[in-house]
Amino acid sequence: MKPSVTTVTHDRERTAPRTTAPAASAGTGRHRAAGPRRDADLMAIASFVSGLVGLLVFNVVLGPCALALGATALARGTDRRFRALLGCALGCADLVLLLVLSLAQGTPSWHLNA
């Protein structure tokens, strides 16, 4: 007797390759692409938030972070272009504020009690 030979197909072989279709946002009806575009959108938001917080505290750190995140988000083609530009503007404002307050107080750092 001859042993029977069976062919095993895996699920990956039977199904069509996946495409990166945009996933629907929860409850808004808008579609958002997954992957690098979503990362760029998150970078634009992080740029805006770090620039805004940097106006109050740690502007020597958060200002350059806001500039770098905003520029990277713009380079990657974010859908939130205005937020990335606003993050870059706030990052510049952080550094200008640091410069003005440091020169006014005569020290490389600044504090609110003059």
PDB file of N, CA and C in Angstrom:
ATOM      1  N   MET A   1       0.805  -1.176   0.000  1.00  0.00           N
ATOM      2  CA  MET A   1       0.000   0.000   0.000  1.00  0.00           C
ATOM      3  C   MET A   1       0.857   1.253   0.000  1.00  0.00           C
ATOM      4  N   LYS A   2       0.389   2.182  -0.738  1.00  0.00           N
ATOM      5  CA  LYS A   2       1.072   3.458  -0.816  1.00  0.00           C
ATOM      6  C   LYS A   2       0.472   4.415   0.212  1.00  0.00           C
ATOM      7  N   PRO A   3       1.307   5.157   0.906  1.00  0.00           N
ATOM      8  CA  PRO A   3       0.756   6.168   1.810  1.00  0.00           C
ATOM      9  C   PRO A   3       0.190   7.331   0.999  1.00  0.00           C
ATOM     10  N   SER A   4      -0.926   7.843   1.455  1.00  0.00           N
ATOM     11  CA  SER A   4      -1.535   8.963   0.737  1.00  0.00           C
ATOM     12  C   SER A   4      -0.815  10.257   1.091  1.00  0.00           C
ATOM     13  N   VAL A   5      -0.686  11.086   0.117  1.00  0.00           N
ATOM     14  CA  VAL A   5      -0.004  12.360   0.295  1.00  0.00           C
ATOM     15  C   VAL A   5      -1.069  13.449   0.328  1.00  0.00           C
ATOM     16  N   THR A   6      -1.045  14.235   1.378  1.00  0.00           N
ATOM     17  CA  THR A   6      -2.013  15.333   1.470  1.00  0.00           C
ATOM     18  C   THR A   6      -1.277  16.652   1.392  1.00  0.00           C
ATOM     19  N   THR A   7      -1.947  17.606   0.847  1.00  0.00           N
ATOM     20  CA  THR A   7      -1.373  18.939   0.719  1.00  0.00           C
ATOM     21  C   THR A   7      -1.989  19.824   1.790  1.00  0.00           C
ATOM     22  N   VAL A   8      -1.136  20.484   2.539  1.00  0.00           N
ATOM     23  CA  VAL A   8      -1.604  21.369   3.600  1.00  0.00           C
ATOM     24  C   VAL A   8      -1.446  22.809   3.112  1.00  0.00           C
ATOM     25  N   THR A   9      -2.540  23.527   3.157  1.00  0.00           N
ATOM     26  CA  THR A   9      -2.463  24.950   2.821  1.00  0.00           C
ATOM     27  C   THR A   9      -2.711  25.744   4.084  1.00  0.00           C
ATOM     28  N   HIS A  10      -1.950  26.753   4.242  1.00  0.00           N
ATOM     29  CA  HIS A  10      -2.078  27.596   5.408  1.00  0.00           C
ATOM     30  C   HIS A  10      -3.044  28.727   5.123  1.00  0.00           C
ATOM     31  N   ASP A  11      -3.535  29.335   6.169  1.00  0.00           N
ATOM     32  CA  ASP A  11      -4.484  30.436   6.013  1.00  0.00           C
ATOM     33  C   ASP A  11      -3.880  31.583   5.219  1.00  0.00           C
ATOM     34  N   ARG A  12      -2.612  31.816   5.380  1.00  0.00           N
ATOM     35  CA  ARG A  12      -1.967  32.912   4.674  1.00  0.00           C
ATOM     36  C   ARG A  12      -1.971  32.691   3.168  1.00  0.00           C
ATOM     37  N   GLU A  13      -1.877  31.431   2.753  1.00  0.00           N
ATOM     38  CA  GLU A  13      -1.833  31.141   1.333  1.00  0.00           C
ATOM     39  C   GLU A  13      -3.206  31.250   0.695  1.00  0.00           C
ATOM     40  N   ARG A  14      -4.266  30.975   1.451  1.00  0.00           N
ATOM     41  CA  ARG A  14      -5.603  30.994   0.895  1.00  0.00           C
ATOM     42  C   ARG A  14      -6.210  32.384   0.832  1.00  0.00           C
ATOM     43  N   THR A  15      -5.791  33.253   1.685  1.00  0.00           N
ATOM     44  CA  THR A  15      -6.397  34.579   1.711  1.00  0.00           C
ATOM     45  C   THR A  15      -5.599  35.542   0.851  1.00  0.00           C
ATOM     46  N   ALA A  16      -6.281  36.553   0.401  1.00  0.00           N
ATOM     47  CA  ALA A  16      -5.624  37.590  -0.400  1.00  0.00           C
ATOM     48  C   ALA A  16      -4.753  38.446   0.508  1.00  0.00           C
ATOM     49  N   PRO A  17      -3.698  39.026  -0.019  1.00  0.00           N
ATOM     50  CA  PRO A  17      -2.848  39.885   0.819  1.00  0.00           C
ATOM     51  C   PRO A  17      -3.628  41.090   1.322  1.00  0.00           C
ATOM     52  N   ARG A  18      -3.307  41.480   2.524  1.00  0.00           N
ATOM     53  CA  ARG A  18      -3.991  42.610   3.142  1.00  0.00           C
ATOM     54  C   ARG A  18      -3.509  43.919   2.546  1.00  0.00           C
ATOM     55  N   THR A  19      -4.420  44.832   2.448  1.00  0.00           N
ATOM     56  CA  THR A  19      -4.059  46.177   2.036  1.00  0.00           C
ATOM     57  C   THR A  19      -4.272  47.098   3.221  1.00  0.00           C
ATOM     58  N   THR A  20      -3.636  48.222   3.200  1.00  0.00           N
ATOM     59  CA  THR A  20      -3.784  49.160   4.304  1.00  0.00           C
ATOM     60  C   THR A  20      -4.941  50.093   4.003  1.00  0.00           C
ATOM     61  N   ALA A  21      -6.137  49.622   4.281  1.00  0.00           N
ATOM     62  CA  ALA A  21      -7.324  50.446   4.079  1.00  0.00           C
ATOM     63  C   ALA A  21      -7.472  51.382   5.268  1.00  0.00           C
ATOM     64  N   PRO A  22      -7.982  52.589   5.039  1.00  0.00           N
ATOM     65  CA  PRO A  22      -8.147  53.503   6.153  1.00  0.00           C
ATOM     66  C   PRO A  22      -9.163  52.972   7.158  1.00  0.00           C
ATOM     67  N   ALA A  23      -8.807  53.097   8.409  1.00  0.00           N
ATOM     68  CA  ALA A  23      -9.703  52.648   9.474  1.00  0.00           C
ATOM     69  C   ALA A  23     -10.622  53.787   9.866  1.00  0.00           C
ATOM     70  N   ALA A  24     -11.858  53.467  10.130  1.00  0.00           N
ATOM     71  CA  ALA A  24     -12.827  54.502  10.505  1.00  0.00           C
ATOM     72  C   ALA A  24     -12.571  54.941  11.934  1.00  0.00           C
ATOM     73  N   SER A  25     -12.634  56.232  12.175  1.00  0.00           N
ATOM     74  CA  SER A  25     -12.503  56.747  13.524  1.00  0.00           C
ATOM     75  C   SER A  25     -13.764  56.419  14.297  1.00  0.00           C
ATOM     76  N   ALA A  26     -13.637  56.234  15.575  1.00  0.00           N
ATOM     77  CA  ALA A  26     -14.772  55.842  16.398  1.00  0.00           C
ATOM     78  C   ALA A  26     -15.790  56.965  16.503  1.00  0.00           C
ATOM     79  N   GLY A  27     -16.937  56.755  15.904  1.00  0.00           N
ATOM     80  CA  GLY A  27     -18.052  57.662  16.076  1.00  0.00           C
ATOM     81  C   GLY A  27     -18.031  58.938  15.260  1.00  0.00           C
ATOM     82  N   THR A  28     -16.977  59.232  14.525  1.00  0.00           N
ATOM     83  CA  THR A  28     -16.934  60.498  13.798  1.00  0.00           C
ATOM     84  C   THR A  28     -17.275  60.342  12.325  1.00  0.00           C
ATOM     85  N   GLY A  29     -17.156  59.150  11.795  1.00  0.00           N
ATOM     86  CA  GLY A  29     -17.430  58.950  10.385  1.00  0.00           C
ATOM     87  C   GLY A  29     -16.269  59.323   9.488  1.00  0.00           C
ATOM     88  N   ARG A  30     -15.208  59.882  10.043  1.00  0.00           N
ATOM     89  CA  ARG A  30     -14.024  60.230   9.256  1.00  0.00           C
ATOM     90  C   ARG A  30     -13.106  59.028   9.166  1.00  0.00           C
ATOM     91  N   HIS A  31     -12.326  58.984   8.110  1.00  0.00           N
ATOM     92  CA  HIS A  31     -11.377  57.888   7.944  1.00  0.00           C
ATOM     93  C   HIS A  31      -9.975  58.392   8.219  1.00  0.00           C
ATOM     94  N   ARG A  32      -9.214  57.591   8.925  1.00  0.00           N
ATOM     95  CA  ARG A  32      -7.826  57.943   9.222  1.00  0.00           C
ATOM     96  C   ARG A  32      -6.934  56.793   8.782  1.00  0.00           C
ATOM     97  N   ALA A  33      -5.915  57.119   8.041  1.00  0.00           N
ATOM     98  CA  ALA A  33      -4.993  56.101   7.557  1.00  0.00           C
ATOM     99  C   ALA A  33      -4.102  55.623   8.693  1.00  0.00           C
ATOM    100  N   ALA A  34      -3.793  54.355   8.675  1.00  0.00           N
ATOM    101  CA  ALA A  34      -2.909  53.782   9.684  1.00  0.00           C
ATOM    102  C   ALA A  34      -1.476  53.872   9.183  1.00  0.00           C
ATOM    103  N   GLY A  35      -0.548  53.785  10.092  1.00  0.00           N
ATOM    104  CA  GLY A  35       0.855  53.737   9.708  1.00  0.00           C
ATOM    105  C   GLY A  35       1.561  55.065   9.842  1.00  0.00           C
ATOM    106  N   PRO A  36       2.453  55.377   8.895  1.00  0.00           N
ATOM    107  CA  PRO A  36       3.286  56.580   9.002  1.00  0.00           C
ATOM    108  C   PRO A  36       2.490  57.879   9.042  1.00  0.00           C
ATOM    109  N   ARG A  37       1.369  57.932   8.333  1.00  0.00           N
ATOM    110  CA  ARG A  37       0.564  59.159   8.344  1.00  0.00           C
ATOM    111  C   ARG A  37      -0.007  59.396   9.743  1.00  0.00           C
ATOM    112  N   ARG A  38      -0.437  58.340  10.403  1.00  0.00           N
ATOM    113  CA  ARG A  38      -0.971  58.470  11.759  1.00  0.00           C
ATOM    114  C   ARG A  38       0.131  58.902  12.720  1.00  0.00           C
ATOM    115  N   ASP A  39       1.332  58.381  12.541  1.00  0.00           N
ATOM    116  CA  ASP A  39       2.465  58.791  13.366  1.00  0.00           C
ATOM    117  C   ASP A  39       2.765  60.274  13.179  1.00  0.00           C
ATOM    118  N   ALA A  40       2.679  60.742  11.950  1.00  0.00           N
ATOM    119  CA  ALA A  40       2.926  62.156  11.681  1.00  0.00           C
ATOM    120  C   ALA A  40       1.852  63.020  12.333  1.00  0.00           C
ATOM    121  N   ASP A  41       0.600  62.543  12.338  1.00  0.00           N
ATOM    122  CA  ASP A  41      -0.466  63.284  13.003  1.00  0.00           C
ATOM    123  C   ASP A  41      -0.215  63.372  14.506  1.00  0.00           C
ATOM    124  N   LEU A  42       0.239  62.284  15.095  1.00  0.00           N
ATOM    125  CA  LEU A  42       0.551  62.294  16.530  1.00  0.00           C
ATOM    126  C   LEU A  42       1.743  63.193  16.838  1.00  0.00           C
ATOM    127  N   MET A  43       2.703  63.248  15.925  1.00  0.00           N
ATOM    128  CA  MET A  43       3.839  64.155  16.117  1.00  0.00           C
ATOM    129  C   MET A  43       3.396  65.611  16.055  1.00  0.00           C
ATOM    130  N   ALA A  44       2.446  65.919  15.183  1.00  0.00           N
ATOM    131  CA  ALA A  44       1.939  67.289  15.090  1.00  0.00           C
ATOM    132  C   ALA A  44       1.246  67.686  16.391  1.00  0.00           C
ATOM    133  N   ILE A  45       0.483  66.773  16.956  1.00  0.00           N
ATOM    134  CA  ILE A  45      -0.196  67.055  18.226  1.00  0.00           C
ATOM    135  C   ILE A  45       0.824  67.209  19.346  1.00  0.00           C
ATOM    136  N   ALA A  46       1.820  66.333  19.387  1.00  0.00           N
ATOM    137  CA  ALA A  46       2.856  66.418  20.416  1.00  0.00           C
ATOM    138  C   ALA A  46       3.654  67.711  20.279  1.00  0.00           C
ATOM    139  N   SER A  47       3.881  68.163  19.062  1.00  0.00           N
ATOM    140  CA  SER A  47       4.580  69.423  18.837  1.00  0.00           C
ATOM    141  C   SER A  47       3.783  70.591  19.414  1.00  0.00           C
ATOM    142  N   PHE A  48       2.493  70.605  19.138  1.00  0.00           N
ATOM    143  CA  PHE A  48       1.635  71.672  19.651  1.00  0.00           C
ATOM    144  C   PHE A  48       1.606  71.675  21.177  1.00  0.00           C
ATOM    145  N   VAL A  49       1.428  70.518  21.783  1.00  0.00           N
ATOM    146  CA  VAL A  49       1.335  70.426  23.244  1.00  0.00           C
ATOM    147  C   VAL A  49       2.656  70.801  23.902  1.00  0.00           C
ATOM    148  N   SER A  50       3.770  70.303  23.374  1.00  0.00           N
ATOM    149  CA  SER A  50       5.058  70.637  23.995  1.00  0.00           C
ATOM    150  C   SER A  50       5.391  72.113  23.823  1.00  0.00           C
ATOM    151  N   GLY A  51       5.013  72.705  22.707  1.00  0.00           N
ATOM    152  CA  GLY A  51       5.230  74.143  22.529  1.00  0.00           C
ATOM    153  C   GLY A  51       4.388  74.964  23.469  1.00  0.00           C
ATOM    154  N   LEU A  52       3.150  74.523  23.697  1.00  0.00           N
ATOM    155  CA  LEU A  52       2.253  75.243  24.595  1.00  0.00           C
ATOM    156  C   LEU A  52       2.704  75.135  26.053  1.00  0.00           C
ATOM    157  N   VAL A  53       3.071  73.949  26.469  1.00  0.00           N
ATOM    158  CA  VAL A  53       3.552  73.762  27.847  1.00  0.00           C
ATOM    159  C   VAL A  53       4.900  74.453  28.034  1.00  0.00           C
ATOM    160  N   GLY A  54       5.708  74.488  26.982  1.00  0.00           N
ATOM    161  CA  GLY A  54       7.022  75.117  27.056  1.00  0.00           C
ATOM    162  C   GLY A  54       6.963  76.616  27.302  1.00  0.00           C
ATOM    163  N   LEU A  55       5.831  77.244  27.032  1.00  0.00           N
ATOM    164  CA  LEU A  55       5.704  78.669  27.346  1.00  0.00           C
ATOM    165  C   LEU A  55       5.726  78.907  28.847  1.00  0.00           C
ATOM    166  N   LEU A  56       5.362  77.897  29.622  1.00  0.00           N
ATOM    167  CA  LEU A  56       5.295  78.044  31.076  1.00  0.00           C
ATOM    168  C   LEU A  56       6.493  77.441  31.799  1.00  0.00           C
ATOM    169  N   VAL A  57       6.891  76.242  31.408  1.00  0.00           N
ATOM    170  CA  VAL A  57       7.979  75.536  32.100  1.00  0.00           C
ATOM    171  C   VAL A  57       8.896  74.853  31.088  1.00  0.00           C
ATOM    172  N   PHE A  58      10.130  74.659  31.450  1.00  0.00           N
ATOM    173  CA  PHE A  58      11.131  73.908  30.682  1.00  0.00           C
ATOM    174  C   PHE A  58      11.216  74.336  29.219  1.00  0.00           C
ATOM    175  N   ASN A  59      11.174  75.641  28.968  1.00  0.00           N
ATOM    176  CA  ASN A  59      11.200  76.082  27.578  1.00  0.00           C
ATOM    177  C   ASN A  59      12.525  75.808  26.887  1.00  0.00           C
ATOM    178  N   VAL A  60      13.597  75.640  27.635  1.00  0.00           N
ATOM    179  CA  VAL A  60      14.890  75.329  27.025  1.00  0.00           C
ATOM    180  C   VAL A  60      14.875  73.904  26.444  1.00  0.00           C
ATOM    181  N   VAL A  61      14.032  73.022  26.970  1.00  0.00           N
ATOM    182  CA  VAL A  61      13.926  71.645  26.483  1.00  0.00           C
ATOM    183  C   VAL A  61      12.738  71.489  25.532  1.00  0.00           C
ATOM    184  N   LEU A  62      11.589  72.003  25.952  1.00  0.00           N
ATOM    185  CA  LEU A  62      10.366  71.785  25.181  1.00  0.00           C
ATOM    186  C   LEU A  62      10.312  72.615  23.901  1.00  0.00           C
ATOM    187  N   GLY A  63      10.989  73.747  23.856  1.00  0.00           N
ATOM    188  CA  GLY A  63      11.019  74.556  22.634  1.00  0.00           C
ATOM    189  C   GLY A  63      11.657  73.822  21.462  1.00  0.00           C
ATOM    190  N   PRO A  64      12.884  73.323  21.629  1.00  0.00           N
ATOM    191  CA  PRO A  64      13.493  72.557  20.532  1.00  0.00           C
ATOM    192  C   PRO A  64      12.738  71.265  20.206  1.00  0.00           C
ATOM    193  N   CYS A  65      12.139  70.644  21.221  1.00  0.00           N
ATOM    194  CA  CYS A  65      11.335  69.442  20.958  1.00  0.00           C
ATOM    195  C   CYS A  65      10.139  69.779  20.076  1.00  0.00           C
ATOM    196  N   ALA A  66       9.473  70.886  20.371  1.00  0.00           N
ATOM    197  CA  ALA A  66       8.326  71.307  19.565  1.00  0.00           C
ATOM    198  C   ALA A  66       8.755  71.602  18.131  1.00  0.00           C
ATOM    199  N   LEU A  67       9.896  72.250  17.974  1.00  0.00           N
ATOM    200  CA  LEU A  67      10.407  72.531  16.621  1.00  0.00           C
ATOM    201  C   LEU A  67      10.724  71.247  15.860  1.00  0.00           C
ATOM    202  N   ALA A  68      11.392  70.323  16.507  1.00  0.00           N
ATOM    203  CA  ALA A  68      11.784  69.075  15.843  1.00  0.00           C
ATOM    204  C   ALA A  68      10.562  68.223  15.499  1.00  0.00           C
ATOM    205  N   LEU A  69       9.625  68.099  16.429  1.00  0.00           N
ATOM    206  CA  LEU A  69       8.429  67.299  16.169  1.00  0.00           C
ATOM    207  C   LEU A  69       7.573  67.917  15.065  1.00  0.00           C
ATOM    208  N   GLY A  70       7.423  69.231  15.091  1.00  0.00           N
ATOM    209  CA  GLY A  70       6.633  69.899  14.065  1.00  0.00           C
ATOM    210  C   GLY A  70       7.249  69.769  12.685  1.00  0.00           C
ATOM    211  N   ALA A  71       8.556  69.952  12.603  1.00  0.00           N
ATOM    212  CA  ALA A  71       9.244  69.828  11.312  1.00  0.00           C
ATOM    213  C   ALA A  71       9.181  68.397  10.780  1.00  0.00           C
ATOM    214  N   THR A  72       9.322  67.423  11.666  1.00  0.00           N
ATOM    215  CA  THR A  72       9.242  66.029  11.247  1.00  0.00           C
ATOM    216  C   THR A  72       7.838  65.671  10.782  1.00  0.00           C
ATOM    217  N   ALA A  73       6.825  66.169  11.495  1.00  0.00           N
ATOM    218  CA  ALA A  73       5.447  65.904  11.091  1.00  0.00           C
ATOM    219  C   ALA A  73       5.148  66.512   9.729  1.00  0.00           C
ATOM    220  N   LEU A  74       5.643  67.706   9.488  1.00  0.00           N
ATOM    221  CA  LEU A  74       5.442  68.339   8.181  1.00  0.00           C
ATOM    222  C   LEU A  74       6.176  67.574   7.076  1.00  0.00           C
ATOM    223  N   ALA A  75       7.370  67.096   7.380  1.00  0.00           N
ATOM    224  CA  ALA A  75       8.142  66.354   6.382  1.00  0.00           C
ATOM    225  C   ALA A  75       7.482  65.022   6.039  1.00  0.00           C
ATOM    226  N   ARG A  76       6.794  64.420   7.001  1.00  0.00           N
ATOM    227  CA  ARG A  76       6.121  63.142   6.756  1.00  0.00           C
ATOM    228  C   ARG A  76       4.722  63.303   6.182  1.00  0.00           C
ATOM    229  N   GLY A  77       4.289  64.521   5.967  1.00  0.00           N
ATOM    230  CA  GLY A  77       3.009  64.755   5.315  1.00  0.00           C
ATOM    231  C   GLY A  77       1.804  64.559   6.213  1.00  0.00           C
ATOM    232  N   THR A  78       1.780  65.239   7.330  1.00  0.00           N
ATOM    233  CA  THR A  78       0.673  65.105   8.267  1.00  0.00           C
ATOM    234  C   THR A  78      -0.612  65.716   7.725  1.00  0.00           C
ATOM    235  N   ASP A  79      -1.736  65.186   8.159  1.00  0.00           N
ATOM    236  CA  ASP A  79      -3.025  65.779   7.832  1.00  0.00           C
ATOM    237  C   ASP A  79      -3.307  66.983   8.725  1.00  0.00           C
ATOM    238  N   ARG A  80      -2.628  67.073   9.838  1.00  0.00           N
ATOM    239  CA  ARG A  80      -2.804  68.168  10.798  1.00  0.00           C
ATOM    240  C   ARG A  80      -1.697  69.209  10.585  1.00  0.00           C
ATOM    241  N   ARG A  81      -1.658  69.738   9.397  1.00  0.00           N
ATOM    242  CA  ARG A  81      -0.604  70.667   9.001  1.00  0.00           C
ATOM    243  C   ARG A  81      -0.610  71.937   9.838  1.00  0.00           C
ATOM    244  N   PHE A  82      -1.789  72.510  10.097  1.00  0.00           N
ATOM    245  CA  PHE A  82      -1.870  73.737  10.875  1.00  0.00           C
ATOM    246  C   PHE A  82      -1.378  73.521  12.304  1.00  0.00           C
ATOM    247  N   ARG A  83      -1.698  72.374  12.883  1.00  0.00           N
ATOM    248  CA  ARG A  83      -1.252  72.096  14.248  1.00  0.00           C
ATOM    249  C   ARG A  83       0.260  71.928  14.289  1.00  0.00           C
ATOM    250  N   ALA A  84       0.851  71.340  13.276  1.00  0.00           N
ATOM    251  CA  ALA A  84       2.309  71.197  13.231  1.00  0.00           C
ATOM    252  C   ALA A  84       2.976  72.563  13.068  1.00  0.00           C
ATOM    253  N   LEU A  85       2.399  73.418  12.216  1.00  0.00           N
ATOM    254  CA  LEU A  85       2.948  74.769  12.055  1.00  0.00           C
ATOM    255  C   LEU A  85       2.803  75.577  13.339  1.00  0.00           C
ATOM    256  N   LEU A  86       1.684  75.409  14.015  1.00  0.00           N
ATOM    257  CA  LEU A  86       1.485  76.099  15.289  1.00  0.00           C
ATOM    258  C   LEU A  86       2.466  75.587  16.344  1.00  0.00           C
ATOM    259  N   GLY A  87       2.759  74.304  16.333  1.00  0.00           N
ATOM    260  CA  GLY A  87       3.760  73.748  17.241  1.00  0.00           C
ATOM    261  C   GLY A  87       5.139  74.323  16.982  1.00  0.00           C
ATOM    262  N   CYS A  88       5.487  74.486  15.699  1.00  0.00           N
ATOM    263  CA  CYS A  88       6.782  75.106  15.353  1.00  0.00           C
ATOM    264  C   CYS A  88       6.824  76.558  15.809  1.00  0.00           C
ATOM    265  N   ALA A  89       5.719  77.278  15.622  1.00  0.00           N
ATOM    266  CA  ALA A  89       5.676  78.681  16.049  1.00  0.00           C
ATOM    267  C   ALA A  89       5.777  78.792  17.569  1.00  0.00           C
ATOM    268  N   LEU A  90       5.100  77.914  18.283  1.00  0.00           N
ATOM    269  CA  LEU A  90       5.193  77.932  19.748  1.00  0.00           C
ATOM    270  C   LEU A  90       6.588  77.532  20.226  1.00  0.00           C
ATOM    271  N   GLY A  91       7.239  76.622  19.512  1.00  0.00           N
ATOM    272  CA  GLY A  91       8.621  76.256  19.851  1.00  0.00           C
ATOM    273  C   GLY A  91       9.556  77.436  19.694  1.00  0.00           C
ATOM    274  N   CYS A  92       9.362  78.213  18.621  1.00  0.00           N
ATOM    275  CA  CYS A  92      10.161  79.434  18.438  1.00  0.00           C
ATOM    276  C   CYS A  92       9.856  80.447  19.536  1.00  0.00           C
ATOM    277  N   ALA A  93       8.581  80.573  19.887  1.00  0.00           N
ATOM    278  CA  ALA A  93       8.197  81.498  20.953  1.00  0.00           C
ATOM    279  C   ALA A  93       8.810  81.082  22.288  1.00  0.00           C
ATOM    280  N   ASP A  94       8.910  79.782  22.533  1.00  0.00           N
ATOM    281  CA  ASP A  94       9.564  79.296  23.756  1.00  0.00           C
ATOM    282  C   ASP A  94      11.007  79.772  23.831  1.00  0.00           C
ATOM    283  N   LEU A  95      11.724  79.635  22.734  1.00  0.00           N
ATOM    284  CA  LEU A  95      13.132  80.020  22.730  1.00  0.00           C
ATOM    285  C   LEU A  95      13.313  81.536  22.794  1.00  0.00           C
ATOM    286  N   VAL A  96      12.422  82.285  22.161  1.00  0.00           N
ATOM    287  CA  VAL A  96      12.480  83.750  22.249  1.00  0.00           C
ATOM    288  C   VAL A  96      12.183  84.195  23.673  1.00  0.00           C
ATOM    289  N   LEU A  97      11.189  83.566  24.301  1.00  0.00           N
ATOM    290  CA  LEU A  97      10.860  83.893  25.695  1.00  0.00           C
ATOM    291  C   LEU A  97      12.047  83.600  26.611  1.00  0.00           C
ATOM    292  N   LEU A  98      12.700  82.474  26.408  1.00  0.00           N
ATOM    293  CA  LEU A  98      13.884  82.147  27.202  1.00  0.00           C
ATOM    294  C   LEU A  98      14.972  83.192  27.007  1.00  0.00           C
ATOM    295  N   LEU A  99      15.201  83.595  25.778  1.00  0.00           N
ATOM    296  CA  LEU A  99      16.232  84.587  25.482  1.00  0.00           C
ATOM    297  C   LEU A  99      15.907  85.934  26.127  1.00  0.00           C
ATOM    298  N   VAL A 100      14.674  86.389  25.989  1.00  0.00           N
ATOM    299  CA  VAL A 100      14.280  87.696  26.531  1.00  0.00           C
ATOM    300  C   VAL A 100      14.360  87.706  28.053  1.00  0.00           C
ATOM    301  N   LEU A 101      13.822  86.672  28.688  1.00  0.00           N
ATOM    302  CA  LEU A 101      13.849  86.640  30.151  1.00  0.00           C
ATOM    303  C   LEU A 101      15.258  86.442  30.692  1.00  0.00           C
ATOM    304  N   SER A 102      16.073  85.677  29.991  1.00  0.00           N
ATOM    305  CA  SER A 102      17.460  85.491  30.427  1.00  0.00           C
ATOM    306  C   SER A 102      18.257  86.787  30.315  1.00  0.00           C
ATOM    307  N   LEU A 103      18.052  87.538  29.229  1.00  0.00           N
ATOM    308  CA  LEU A 103      18.752  88.813  29.077  1.00  0.00           C
ATOM    309  C   LEU A 103      18.246  89.847  30.074  1.00  0.00           C
ATOM    310  N   ALA A 104      16.969  89.843  30.373  1.00  0.00           N
ATOM    311  CA  ALA A 104      16.407  90.807  31.316  1.00  0.00           C
ATOM    312  C   ALA A 104      16.930  90.577  32.729  1.00  0.00           C
ATOM    313  N   GLN A 105      17.170  89.324  33.083  1.00  0.00           N
ATOM    314  CA  GLN A 105      17.638  89.018  34.438  1.00  0.00           C
ATOM    315  C   GLN A 105      19.146  88.848  34.516  1.00  0.00           C
ATOM    316  N   GLY A 106      19.827  88.834  33.390  1.00  0.00           N
ATOM    317  CA  GLY A 106      21.283  88.761  33.382  1.00  0.00           C
ATOM    318  C   GLY A 106      21.841  87.397  33.729  1.00  0.00           C
ATOM    319  N   THR A 107      21.064  86.353  33.613  1.00  0.00           N
ATOM    320  CA  THR A 107      21.537  84.998  33.909  1.00  0.00           C
ATOM    321  C   THR A 107      21.144  84.081  32.757  1.00  0.00           C
ATOM    322  N   PRO A 108      21.841  82.949  32.621  1.00  0.00           N
ATOM    323  CA  PRO A 108      21.462  82.021  31.546  1.00  0.00           C
ATOM    324  C   PRO A 108      20.144  81.288  31.825  1.00  0.00           C
ATOM    325  N   SER A 109      19.641  81.390  33.034  1.00  0.00           N
ATOM    326  CA  SER A 109      18.343  80.796  33.356  1.00  0.00           C
ATOM    327  C   SER A 109      17.427  81.902  33.865  1.00  0.00           C
ATOM    328  N   TRP A 110      16.155  81.626  33.969  1.00  0.00           N
ATOM    329  CA  TRP A 110      15.227  82.647  34.419  1.00  0.00           C
ATOM    330  C   TRP A 110      14.271  82.061  35.445  1.00  0.00           C
ATOM    331  N   HIS A 111      13.699  82.929  36.235  1.00  0.00           N
ATOM    332  CA  HIS A 111      12.667  82.534  37.200  1.00  0.00           C
ATOM    333  C   HIS A 111      11.666  83.666  37.296  1.00  0.00           C
ATOM    334  N   LEU A 112      10.507  83.373  37.841  1.00  0.00           N
ATOM    335  CA  LEU A 112       9.432  84.370  37.865  1.00  0.00           C
ATOM    336  C   LEU A 112       9.624  85.427  38.956  1.00  0.00           C
ATOM    337  N   ASN A 113      10.371  85.148  40.012  1.00  0.00           N
ATOM    338  CA  ASN A 113      10.602  86.124  41.073  1.00  0.00           C
ATOM    339  C   ASN A 113      11.774  87.030  40.684  1.00  0.00           C
ATOM    340  N   ALA A 114      11.471  88.238  40.280  1.00  0.00           N
ATOM    341  CA  ALA A 114      12.521  89.138  39.792  1.00  0.00           C
ATOM    342  C   ALA A 114      13.233  89.861  40.864  1.00  0.00           C
TER     343      ALA A 114
END
